[in-house]
Amino acid sequence: MQGIGLGLSITNDIEKAHGGTISIRTKEYEGTTFIIELHV
């Protein structure tokens, strides 16, 4: 099953609404980590 790619876009909108940040860390052959911080 394949997604339609809206998850990160929606997350970005929520992050911006709360003055937060999104950080992305990628390690080759290990994967990618998304760190989402919300300031509420």
PDB file of N, CA and C in Angstrom:
ATOM      1  N   MET A   1       0.849  -1.191   0.000  1.00  0.00           N
ATOM      2  CA  MET A   1       0.000   0.000   0.000  1.00  0.00           C
ATOM      3  C   MET A   1       0.885   1.242   0.000  1.00  0.00           C
ATOM      4  N   GLN A   2       0.527   2.232  -0.765  1.00  0.00           N
ATOM      5  CA  GLN A   2       1.312   3.449  -0.882  1.00  0.00           C
ATOM      6  C   GLN A   2       0.502   4.636  -0.389  1.00  0.00           C
ATOM      7  N   GLY A   3       1.154   5.511   0.393  1.00  0.00           N
ATOM      8  CA  GLY A   3       0.480   6.707   0.894  1.00  0.00           C
ATOM      9  C   GLY A   3       0.365   7.770  -0.184  1.00  0.00           C
ATOM     10  N   ILE A   4      -0.308   8.854   0.178  1.00  0.00           N
ATOM     11  CA  ILE A   4      -0.487   9.942  -0.785  1.00  0.00           C
ATOM     12  C   ILE A   4       0.374  11.152  -0.446  1.00  0.00           C
ATOM     13  N   GLY A   5       1.212  11.035   0.585  1.00  0.00           N
ATOM     14  CA  GLY A   5       2.186  12.077   0.867  1.00  0.00           C
ATOM     15  C   GLY A   5       1.684  13.293   1.618  1.00  0.00           C
ATOM     16  N   LEU A   6       0.550  13.216   2.272  1.00  0.00           N
ATOM     17  CA  LEU A   6       0.020  14.375   2.987  1.00  0.00           C
ATOM     18  C   LEU A   6       0.464  14.447   4.446  1.00  0.00           C
ATOM     19  N   GLY A   7       0.958  13.355   4.996  1.00  0.00           N
ATOM     20  CA  GLY A   7       1.302  13.308   6.417  1.00  0.00           C
ATOM     21  C   GLY A   7       2.290  14.376   6.844  1.00  0.00           C
ATOM     22  N   LEU A   8       3.401  14.492   6.142  1.00  0.00           N
ATOM     23  CA  LEU A   8       4.408  15.482   6.510  1.00  0.00           C
ATOM     24  C   LEU A   8       3.915  16.897   6.261  1.00  0.00           C
ATOM     25  N   SER A   9       3.137  17.102   5.229  1.00  0.00           N
ATOM     26  CA  SER A   9       2.580  18.422   4.940  1.00  0.00           C
ATOM     27  C   SER A   9       1.643  18.875   6.056  1.00  0.00           C
ATOM     28  N   ILE A  10       0.773  17.978   6.511  1.00  0.00           N
ATOM     29  CA  ILE A  10      -0.140  18.312   7.606  1.00  0.00           C
ATOM     30  C   ILE A  10       0.633  18.552   8.895  1.00  0.00           C
ATOM     31  N   THR A  11       1.632  17.718   9.149  1.00  0.00           N
ATOM     32  CA  THR A  11       2.474  17.889  10.330  1.00  0.00           C
ATOM     33  C   THR A  11       3.171  19.242  10.302  1.00  0.00           C
ATOM     34  N   ASN A  12       3.647  19.654   9.140  1.00  0.00           N
ATOM     35  CA  ASN A  12       4.307  20.946   8.991  1.00  0.00           C
ATOM     36  C   ASN A  12       3.348  22.092   9.308  1.00  0.00           C
ATOM     37  N   ASP A  13       2.098  21.991   8.860  1.00  0.00           N
ATOM     38  CA  ASP A  13       1.105  23.025   9.165  1.00  0.00           C
ATOM     39  C   ASP A  13       0.843  23.121  10.664  1.00  0.00           C
ATOM     40  N   ILE A  14       0.737  21.975  11.340  1.00  0.00           N
ATOM     41  CA  ILE A  14       0.516  21.959  12.790  1.00  0.00           C
ATOM     42  C   ILE A  14       1.717  22.558  13.510  1.00  0.00           C
ATOM     43  N   GLU A  15       2.901  22.178  13.074  1.00  0.00           N
ATOM     44  CA  GLU A  15       4.139  22.689  13.677  1.00  0.00           C
ATOM     45  C   GLU A  15       4.216  24.208  13.551  1.00  0.00           C
ATOM     46  N   LYS A  16       3.901  24.754  12.399  1.00  0.00           N
ATOM     47  CA  LYS A  16       3.939  26.197  12.194  1.00  0.00           C
ATOM     48  C   LYS A  16       2.900  26.925  13.044  1.00  0.00           C
ATOM     49  N   ALA A  17       1.719  26.328  13.193  1.00  0.00           N
ATOM     50  CA  ALA A  17       0.648  26.949  13.983  1.00  0.00           C
ATOM     51  C   ALA A  17       1.019  27.066  15.454  1.00  0.00           C
ATOM     52  N   HIS A  18       1.910  26.192  15.925  1.00  0.00           N
ATOM     53  CA  HIS A  18       2.306  26.200  17.336  1.00  0.00           C
ATOM     54  C   HIS A  18       3.714  26.753  17.549  1.00  0.00           C
ATOM     55  N   GLY A  19       4.301  27.322  16.514  1.00  0.00           N
ATOM     56  CA  GLY A  19       5.633  27.905  16.636  1.00  0.00           C
ATOM     57  C   GLY A  19       6.698  26.871  16.926  1.00  0.00           C
ATOM     58  N   GLY A  20       6.517  25.668  16.428  1.00  0.00           N
ATOM     59  CA  GLY A  20       7.456  24.587  16.685  1.00  0.00           C
ATOM     60  C   GLY A  20       8.491  24.441  15.593  1.00  0.00           C
ATOM     61  N   THR A  21       9.183  23.311  15.638  1.00  0.00           N
ATOM     62  CA  THR A  21      10.211  23.020  14.644  1.00  0.00           C
ATOM     63  C   THR A  21      10.141  21.548  14.246  1.00  0.00           C
ATOM     64  N   ILE A  22      10.627  21.256  13.062  1.00  0.00           N
ATOM     65  CA  ILE A  22      10.799  19.891  12.596  1.00  0.00           C
ATOM     66  C   ILE A  22      12.259  19.728  12.209  1.00  0.00           C
ATOM     67  N   SER A  23      12.905  18.724  12.787  1.00  0.00           N
ATOM     68  CA  SER A  23      14.285  18.398  12.436  1.00  0.00           C
ATOM     69  C   SER A  23      14.304  17.015  11.810  1.00  0.00           C
ATOM     70  N   ILE A  24      15.175  16.831  10.841  1.00  0.00           N
ATOM     71  CA  ILE A  24      15.284  15.546  10.165  1.00  0.00           C
ATOM     72  C   ILE A  24      16.725  15.078  10.257  1.00  0.00           C
ATOM     73  N   ARG A  25      16.882  13.836  10.736  1.00  0.00           N
ATOM     74  CA  ARG A  25      18.219  13.236  10.837  1.00  0.00           C
ATOM     75  C   ARG A  25      18.214  11.942  10.039  1.00  0.00           C
ATOM     76  N   THR A  26      19.170  11.813   9.135  1.00  0.00           N
ATOM     77  CA  THR A  26      19.257  10.629   8.294  1.00  0.00           C
ATOM     78  C   THR A  26      20.623   9.977   8.464  1.00  0.00           C
ATOM     79  N   LYS A  27      20.601   8.653   8.659  1.00  0.00           N
ATOM     80  CA  LYS A  27      21.837   7.876   8.704  1.00  0.00           C
ATOM     81  C   LYS A  27      21.759   6.836   7.597  1.00  0.00           C
ATOM     82  N   GLU A  28      22.757   6.852   6.738  1.00  0.00           N
ATOM     83  CA  GLU A  28      22.764   5.935   5.613  1.00  0.00           C
ATOM     84  C   GLU A  28      22.668   4.496   6.096  1.00  0.00           C
ATOM     85  N   TYR A  29      21.816   3.734   5.481  1.00  0.00           N
ATOM     86  CA  TYR A  29      21.553   2.321   5.771  1.00  0.00           C
ATOM     87  C   TYR A  29      20.868   2.083   7.116  1.00  0.00           C
ATOM     88  N   GLU A  30      20.521   3.146   7.844  1.00  0.00           N
ATOM     89  CA  GLU A  30      19.858   2.982   9.141  1.00  0.00           C
ATOM     90  C   GLU A  30      18.458   3.582   9.148  1.00  0.00           C
ATOM     91  N   GLY A  31      18.234   4.631   8.373  1.00  0.00           N
ATOM     92  CA  GLY A  31      16.905   5.229   8.313  1.00  0.00           C
ATOM     93  C   GLY A  31      16.916   6.710   8.626  1.00  0.00           C
ATOM     94  N   THR A  32      15.709   7.259   8.732  1.00  0.00           N
ATOM     95  CA  THR A  32      15.515   8.685   8.959  1.00  0.00           C
ATOM     96  C   THR A  32      14.643   8.890  10.183  1.00  0.00           C
ATOM     97  N   THR A  33      15.005   9.878  11.001  1.00  0.00           N
ATOM     98  CA  THR A  33      14.239  10.230  12.195  1.00  0.00           C
ATOM     99  C   THR A  33      13.729  11.650  12.033  1.00  0.00           C
ATOM    100  N   PHE A  34      12.432  11.833  12.282  1.00  0.00           N
ATOM    101  CA  PHE A  34      11.817  13.154  12.273  1.00  0.00           C
ATOM    102  C   PHE A  34      11.568  13.553  13.722  1.00  0.00           C
ATOM    103  N   ILE A  35      12.076  14.706  14.120  1.00  0.00           N
ATOM    104  CA  ILE A  35      11.893  15.212  15.484  1.00  0.00           C
ATOM    105  C   ILE A  35      10.986  16.430  15.394  1.00  0.00           C
ATOM    106  N   ILE A  36       9.835  16.330  16.033  1.00  0.00           N
ATOM    107  CA  ILE A  36       8.839  17.408  15.983  1.00  0.00           C
ATOM    108  C   ILE A  36       8.697  17.996  17.370  1.00  0.00           C
ATOM    109  N   GLU A  37       8.953  19.304  17.499  1.00  0.00           N
ATOM    110  CA  GLU A  37       8.823  19.998  18.769  1.00  0.00           C
ATOM    111  C   GLU A  37       7.713  21.040  18.641  1.00  0.00           C
ATOM    112  N   LEU A  38       6.746  20.973  19.553  1.00  0.00           N
ATOM    113  CA  LEU A  38       5.654  21.940  19.566  1.00  0.00           C
ATOM    114  C   LEU A  38       5.772  22.794  20.813  1.00  0.00           C
ATOM    115  N   HIS A  39       5.597  24.089  20.660  1.00  0.00           N
ATOM    116  CA  HIS A  39       5.685  25.026  21.776  1.00  0.00           C
ATOM    117  C   HIS A  39       4.268  25.537  22.053  1.00  0.00           C
ATOM    118  N   VAL A  40       3.591  24.865  22.962  1.00  0.00           N
ATOM    119  CA  VAL A  40       2.194  25.219  23.258  1.00  0.00           C
ATOM    120  C   VAL A  40       2.077  25.904  24.599  1.00  0.00           C
TER     121      VAL A  40
END
